Amino acid sequence: MPRLDETRPFLPVNIALLTVSDTRDAARDRSGNALAEFATGAGHRVVARRIVRDERDDIVAQLKAWIADPEIDVVISTGGTGVTGRDVTPEAFHSVYEKEIAGFGELFRWLSFDKVGTSTIQSRATAGVAGGTYLFALPGSPGACRDAWEGILVHQLDNRFRPCNFVELMPRLQEHLKL
């Protein structure tokens, strides 16, 4: 059964938060604020935060900038994962992935089903890795951000989580570049 190994010291990660929205600003970014609270409450550092419009090029540019920043370990976005014409976050994320973490979206929808029923099928939550940085795209509601954080990210971003977690894999994410 999964557990926390309290004999290991906690290793905080540096997180960048991206809100994708045509209408939100810093004062009305409830989902971004929730993610910031979850991350810092768990002991991590929020080292960057931005709001960009639902424009693929804008999302990709911000992702690439953060992927290139050696101080950022994880990017978590909120918004733009639905099926409407303006929802382009998954396409932007997929265009920068080196590897997709397909199980993330699958697990998110499974967890979300208990709360929103079959409406979860409208979510295109996704995750992957690029340039040694983990990338997670979540739906734009505070509840969805809470579900993803409490059901997945709080555990996978904690190096004490057993049997395995994303943090312990960080040193190996770019081993394909070493000759």
C-alpha atoms as a PDB file:
ATOM      1  CA  MET A   1       0.000   0.000   0.000  1.00  0.00           C
ATOM      2  CA  PRO A   2       1.308   3.534  -0.773  1.00  0.00           C
ATOM      3  CA  ARG A   3       2.767   5.362   2.212  1.00  0.00           C
ATOM      4  CA  LEU A   4       5.038   8.187   3.318  1.00  0.00           C
ATOM      5  CA  ASP A   5       8.473   7.135   4.483  1.00  0.00           C
ATOM      6  CA  GLU A   6       8.993   9.524   7.396  1.00  0.00           C
ATOM      7  CA  THR A   7      12.659   8.471   7.705  1.00  0.00           C
ATOM      8  CA  ARG A   8      13.468  10.387   4.501  1.00  0.00           C
ATOM      9  CA  PRO A   9      13.855  14.187   4.603  1.00  0.00           C
ATOM     10  CA  PHE A  10      11.305  16.164   2.554  1.00  0.00           C
ATOM     11  CA  LEU A  11      12.762  17.778  -0.586  1.00  0.00           C
ATOM     12  CA  PRO A  12      10.809  20.854  -1.747  1.00  0.00           C
ATOM     13  CA  VAL A  13      10.505  21.421  -5.484  1.00  0.00           C
ATOM     14  CA  ASN A  14      10.340  24.721  -7.378  1.00  0.00           C
ATOM     15  CA  ILE A  15       6.975  25.161  -9.050  1.00  0.00           C
ATOM     16  CA  ALA A  16       5.816  27.614 -11.722  1.00  0.00           C
ATOM     17  CA  LEU A  17       2.062  28.206 -11.987  1.00  0.00           C
ATOM     18  CA  LEU A  18       0.402  29.119 -15.281  1.00  0.00           C
ATOM     19  CA  THR A  19      -3.217  30.209 -15.546  1.00  0.00           C
ATOM     20  CA  VAL A  20      -4.630  29.983 -19.069  1.00  0.00           C
ATOM     21  CA  SER A  21      -7.600  32.319 -19.432  1.00  0.00           C
ATOM     22  CA  ASP A  22      -9.044  35.038 -21.625  1.00  0.00           C
ATOM     23  CA  THR A  23     -10.924  36.564 -18.682  1.00  0.00           C
ATOM     24  CA  ARG A  24      -8.993  36.086 -15.435  1.00  0.00           C
ATOM     25  CA  ASP A  25      -6.590  38.521 -13.882  1.00  0.00           C
ATOM     26  CA  ALA A  26      -4.544  38.199 -10.690  1.00  0.00           C
ATOM     27  CA  ALA A  27      -7.484  39.337  -8.536  1.00  0.00           C
ATOM     28  CA  ARG A  28      -9.846  36.703  -9.997  1.00  0.00           C
ATOM     29  CA  ASP A  29      -7.468  33.780 -10.390  1.00  0.00           C
ATOM     30  CA  ARG A  30      -9.125  31.428  -7.883  1.00  0.00           C
ATOM     31  CA  SER A  31      -7.616  28.278  -9.378  1.00  0.00           C
ATOM     32  CA  GLY A  32      -4.100  29.712  -9.540  1.00  0.00           C
ATOM     33  CA  ASN A  33      -4.461  30.943  -5.966  1.00  0.00           C
ATOM     34  CA  ALA A  34      -5.660  27.512  -4.853  1.00  0.00           C
ATOM     35  CA  LEU A  35      -2.669  25.814  -6.501  1.00  0.00           C
ATOM     36  CA  ALA A  36      -0.294  28.300  -4.873  1.00  0.00           C
ATOM     37  CA  GLU A  37      -1.830  27.551  -1.466  1.00  0.00           C
ATOM     38  CA  PHE A  38      -1.660  23.780  -2.014  1.00  0.00           C
ATOM     39  CA  ALA A  39       1.967  23.890  -3.164  1.00  0.00           C
ATOM     40  CA  THR A  40       3.278  26.177  -0.432  1.00  0.00           C
ATOM     41  CA  GLY A  41       1.179  24.408   2.180  1.00  0.00           C
ATOM     42  CA  ALA A  42       2.922  21.166   1.237  1.00  0.00           C
ATOM     43  CA  GLY A  43       6.333  22.816   1.640  1.00  0.00           C
ATOM     44  CA  HIS A  44       7.170  23.536  -2.011  1.00  0.00           C
ATOM     45  CA  ARG A  45       8.272  26.866  -3.481  1.00  0.00           C
ATOM     46  CA  VAL A  46       6.186  28.779  -6.036  1.00  0.00           C
ATOM     47  CA  VAL A  47       8.971  30.526  -7.928  1.00  0.00           C
ATOM     48  CA  ALA A  48       7.006  31.932 -10.871  1.00  0.00           C
ATOM     49  CA  ARG A  49       3.422  32.674 -11.774  1.00  0.00           C
ATOM     50  CA  ARG A  50       1.800  33.975 -14.978  1.00  0.00           C
ATOM     51  CA  ILE A  51      -1.580  34.390 -16.635  1.00  0.00           C
ATOM     52  CA  VAL A  52      -1.697  33.957 -20.423  1.00  0.00           C
ATOM     53  CA  ARG A  53      -4.542  34.048 -22.901  1.00  0.00           C
ATOM     54  CA  ASP A  54      -5.977  30.909 -24.502  1.00  0.00           C
ATOM     55  CA  GLU A  55      -3.542  31.213 -27.397  1.00  0.00           C
ATOM     56  CA  ARG A  56      -1.400  28.232 -28.286  1.00  0.00           C
ATOM     57  CA  ASP A  57       1.670  30.302 -29.193  1.00  0.00           C
ATOM     58  CA  ASP A  58       1.504  32.241 -25.908  1.00  0.00           C
ATOM     59  CA  ILE A  59       1.199  29.040 -23.863  1.00  0.00           C
ATOM     60  CA  VAL A  60       4.046  27.360 -25.748  1.00  0.00           C
ATOM     61  CA  ALA A  61       6.303  30.401 -25.344  1.00  0.00           C
ATOM     62  CA  GLN A  62       5.746  30.471 -21.574  1.00  0.00           C
ATOM     63  CA  LEU A  63       6.264  26.706 -21.266  1.00  0.00           C
ATOM     64  CA  LYS A  64       9.519  26.868 -23.250  1.00  0.00           C
ATOM     65  CA  ALA A  65      10.805  29.743 -21.113  1.00  0.00           C
ATOM     66  CA  TRP A  66      10.123  27.816 -17.922  1.00  0.00           C
ATOM     67  CA  ILE A  67      11.474  24.534 -19.314  1.00  0.00           C
ATOM     68  CA  ALA A  68      14.722  26.370 -20.125  1.00  0.00           C
ATOM     69  CA  ASP A  69      14.937  27.815 -16.601  1.00  0.00           C
ATOM     70  CA  PRO A  70      17.078  25.477 -14.446  1.00  0.00           C
ATOM     71  CA  GLU A  71      15.401  26.851 -11.298  1.00  0.00           C
ATOM     72  CA  ILE A  72      11.995  25.421 -12.278  1.00  0.00           C
ATOM     73  CA  ASP A  73      11.322  21.745 -11.593  1.00  0.00           C
ATOM     74  CA  VAL A  74       7.570  21.619 -12.205  1.00  0.00           C
ATOM     75  CA  VAL A  75       5.019  23.624 -14.201  1.00  0.00           C
ATOM     76  CA  ILE A  76       1.359  23.322 -13.271  1.00  0.00           C
ATOM     77  CA  SER A  77      -1.232  25.047 -15.426  1.00  0.00           C
ATOM     78  CA  THR A  78      -4.927  25.567 -14.873  1.00  0.00           C
ATOM     79  CA  GLY A  79      -7.463  26.297 -17.598  1.00  0.00           C
ATOM     80  CA  GLY A  80      -7.977  25.630 -21.277  1.00  0.00           C
ATOM     81  CA  THR A  81      -8.277  21.838 -21.047  1.00  0.00           C
ATOM     82  CA  GLY A  82     -11.900  21.524 -22.187  1.00  0.00           C
ATOM     83  CA  VAL A  83     -13.308  20.827 -25.633  1.00  0.00           C
ATOM     84  CA  THR A  84     -14.448  24.266 -26.776  1.00  0.00           C
ATOM     85  CA  GLY A  85     -12.804  26.106 -29.631  1.00  0.00           C
ATOM     86  CA  ARG A  86     -10.675  28.319 -27.360  1.00  0.00           C
ATOM     87  CA  ASP A  87      -9.375  25.394 -25.239  1.00  0.00           C
ATOM     88  CA  VAL A  88      -5.872  24.802 -26.616  1.00  0.00           C
ATOM     89  CA  THR A  89      -3.793  24.021 -23.520  1.00  0.00           C
ATOM     90  CA  PRO A  90      -3.396  20.267 -24.235  1.00  0.00           C
ATOM     91  CA  GLU A  91      -2.270  20.966 -27.787  1.00  0.00           C
ATOM     92  CA  ALA A  92       0.302  23.478 -26.525  1.00  0.00           C
ATOM     93  CA  PHE A  93       1.595  21.057 -23.893  1.00  0.00           C
ATOM     94  CA  HIS A  94       1.782  18.137 -26.333  1.00  0.00           C
ATOM     95  CA  SER A  95       3.859  20.251 -28.709  1.00  0.00           C
ATOM     96  CA  VAL A  96       6.637  20.625 -26.101  1.00  0.00           C
ATOM     97  CA  TYR A  97       6.578  17.185 -24.458  1.00  0.00           C
ATOM     98  CA  GLU A  98       9.542  14.895 -24.824  1.00  0.00           C
ATOM     99  CA  LYS A  99       7.502  12.221 -23.050  1.00  0.00           C
ATOM    100  CA  GLU A 100       3.841  12.177 -22.145  1.00  0.00           C
ATOM    101  CA  ILE A 101       2.722  10.823 -18.769  1.00  0.00           C
ATOM    102  CA  ALA A 102      -0.531   9.357 -20.083  1.00  0.00           C
ATOM    103  CA  GLY A 103      -1.555   7.886 -16.742  1.00  0.00           C
ATOM    104  CA  PHE A 104      -1.895  11.358 -15.226  1.00  0.00           C
ATOM    105  CA  GLY A 105      -4.913  12.329 -17.326  1.00  0.00           C
ATOM    106  CA  GLU A 106      -6.421   8.890 -16.931  1.00  0.00           C
ATOM    107  CA  LEU A 107      -6.038   8.954 -13.152  1.00  0.00           C
ATOM    108  CA  PHE A 108      -7.325  12.528 -12.921  1.00  0.00           C
ATOM    109  CA  ARG A 109     -10.516  11.628 -14.791  1.00  0.00           C
ATOM    110  CA  TRP A 110     -10.976   8.508 -12.667  1.00  0.00           C
ATOM    111  CA  LEU A 111     -10.673  10.553  -9.452  1.00  0.00           C
ATOM    112  CA  SER A 112     -12.886  13.298 -10.846  1.00  0.00           C
ATOM    113  CA  PHE A 113     -15.667  10.863 -11.803  1.00  0.00           C
ATOM    114  CA  ASP A 114     -16.718  10.544  -8.144  1.00  0.00           C
ATOM    115  CA  LYS A 115     -17.337  14.296  -7.993  1.00  0.00           C
ATOM    116  CA  VAL A 116     -18.651  15.274 -11.441  1.00  0.00           C
ATOM    117  CA  GLY A 117     -19.773  11.964 -12.919  1.00  0.00           C
ATOM    118  CA  THR A 118     -19.559  11.531 -16.653  1.00  0.00           C
ATOM    119  CA  SER A 119     -18.788  15.248 -17.091  1.00  0.00           C
ATOM    120  CA  THR A 120     -15.187  14.261 -16.370  1.00  0.00           C
ATOM    121  CA  ILE A 121     -14.944  13.047 -19.964  1.00  0.00           C
ATOM    122  CA  GLN A 122     -14.839  16.712 -21.033  1.00  0.00           C
ATOM    123  CA  SER A 123     -11.487  17.192 -19.294  1.00  0.00           C
ATOM    124  CA  ARG A 124      -8.328  16.817 -21.307  1.00  0.00           C
ATOM    125  CA  ALA A 125      -5.977  17.071 -18.311  1.00  0.00           C
ATOM    126  CA  THR A 126      -2.518  15.992 -19.383  1.00  0.00           C
ATOM    127  CA  ALA A 127       1.063  15.702 -18.152  1.00  0.00           C
ATOM    128  CA  GLY A 128       4.512  15.129 -19.543  1.00  0.00           C
ATOM    129  CA  VAL A 129       8.206  15.888 -19.282  1.00  0.00           C
ATOM    130  CA  ALA A 130      10.394  18.264 -21.295  1.00  0.00           C
ATOM    131  CA  GLY A 131      13.923  19.444 -20.620  1.00  0.00           C
ATOM    132  CA  GLY A 132      13.950  17.777 -17.221  1.00  0.00           C
ATOM    133  CA  THR A 133      10.812  19.683 -16.162  1.00  0.00           C
ATOM    134  CA  TYR A 134       7.506  18.080 -15.239  1.00  0.00           C
ATOM    135  CA  LEU A 135       4.478  19.662 -16.928  1.00  0.00           C
ATOM    136  CA  PHE A 136       0.909  19.254 -15.637  1.00  0.00           C
ATOM    137  CA  ALA A 137      -2.179  20.795 -17.292  1.00  0.00           C
ATOM    138  CA  LEU A 138      -5.289  20.883 -15.101  1.00  0.00           C
ATOM    139  CA  PRO A 139      -8.835  22.105 -15.704  1.00  0.00           C
ATOM    140  CA  GLY A 140      -9.661  25.676 -14.711  1.00  0.00           C
ATOM    141  CA  SER A 141     -11.887  25.122 -11.698  1.00  0.00           C
ATOM    142  CA  PRO A 142     -10.601  25.301  -8.115  1.00  0.00           C
ATOM    143  CA  GLY A 143     -12.289  21.955  -7.419  1.00  0.00           C
ATOM    144  CA  ALA A 144     -10.451  20.243 -10.262  1.00  0.00           C
ATOM    145  CA  CYS A 145      -7.172  21.747  -9.052  1.00  0.00           C
ATOM    146  CA  ARG A 146      -7.903  20.426  -5.565  1.00  0.00           C
ATOM    147  CA  ASP A 147      -8.735  16.955  -6.932  1.00  0.00           C
ATOM    148  CA  ALA A 148      -5.496  16.820  -8.936  1.00  0.00           C
ATOM    149  CA  TRP A 149      -3.398  18.134  -6.055  1.00  0.00           C
ATOM    150  CA  GLU A 150      -4.865  15.995  -3.285  1.00  0.00           C
ATOM    151  CA  GLY A 151      -5.341  12.881  -5.398  1.00  0.00           C
ATOM    152  CA  ILE A 152      -2.086  12.865  -7.357  1.00  0.00           C
ATOM    153  CA  LEU A 153       0.376  15.732  -7.084  1.00  0.00           C
ATOM    154  CA  VAL A 154       0.754  15.964  -3.311  1.00  0.00           C
ATOM    155  CA  HIS A 155       2.027  12.384  -3.363  1.00  0.00           C
ATOM    156  CA  GLN A 156       4.033  12.352  -6.583  1.00  0.00           C
ATOM    157  CA  LEU A 157       5.811  15.621  -5.719  1.00  0.00           C
ATOM    158  CA  ASP A 158       6.848  14.279  -2.314  1.00  0.00           C
ATOM    159  CA  ASN A 159      10.106  12.318  -2.393  1.00  0.00           C
ATOM    160  CA  ARG A 160       9.004  10.409   0.721  1.00  0.00           C
ATOM    161  CA  PHE A 161       6.034   8.822  -1.080  1.00  0.00           C
ATOM    162  CA  ARG A 162       6.548   5.090  -1.557  1.00  0.00           C
ATOM    163  CA  PRO A 163       6.783   2.917  -3.542  1.00  0.00           C
ATOM    164  CA  CYS A 164       7.877   5.654  -6.015  1.00  0.00           C
ATOM    165  CA  ASN A 165       7.401   9.316  -6.917  1.00  0.00           C
ATOM    166  CA  PHE A 166       8.307  11.890  -9.570  1.00  0.00           C
ATOM    167  CA  VAL A 167      10.848  13.697  -7.371  1.00  0.00           C
ATOM    168  CA  GLU A 168      13.217  10.747  -7.076  1.00  0.00           C
ATOM    169  CA  LEU A 169      13.245  10.488 -10.886  1.00  0.00           C
ATOM    170  CA  MET A 170      14.267  14.130 -11.432  1.00  0.00           C
ATOM    171  CA  PRO A 171      18.024  13.448 -11.592  1.00  0.00           C
ATOM    172  CA  ARG A 172      17.383  10.930 -14.379  1.00  0.00           C
ATOM    173  CA  LEU A 173      14.984  12.908 -16.588  1.00  0.00           C
ATOM    174  CA  GLN A 174      17.747  14.042 -18.921  1.00  0.00           C
ATOM    175  CA  GLU A 175      19.980  10.979 -18.869  1.00  0.00           C
ATOM    176  CA  HIS A 176      19.230  10.439 -22.584  1.00  0.00           C
ATOM    177  CA  LEU A 177      21.333  13.564 -23.251  1.00  0.00           C
ATOM    178  CA  LYS A 178      24.439  12.147 -21.599  1.00  0.00           C
ATOM    179  CA  LEU A 179      26.884  10.284 -23.792  1.00  0.00           C
END
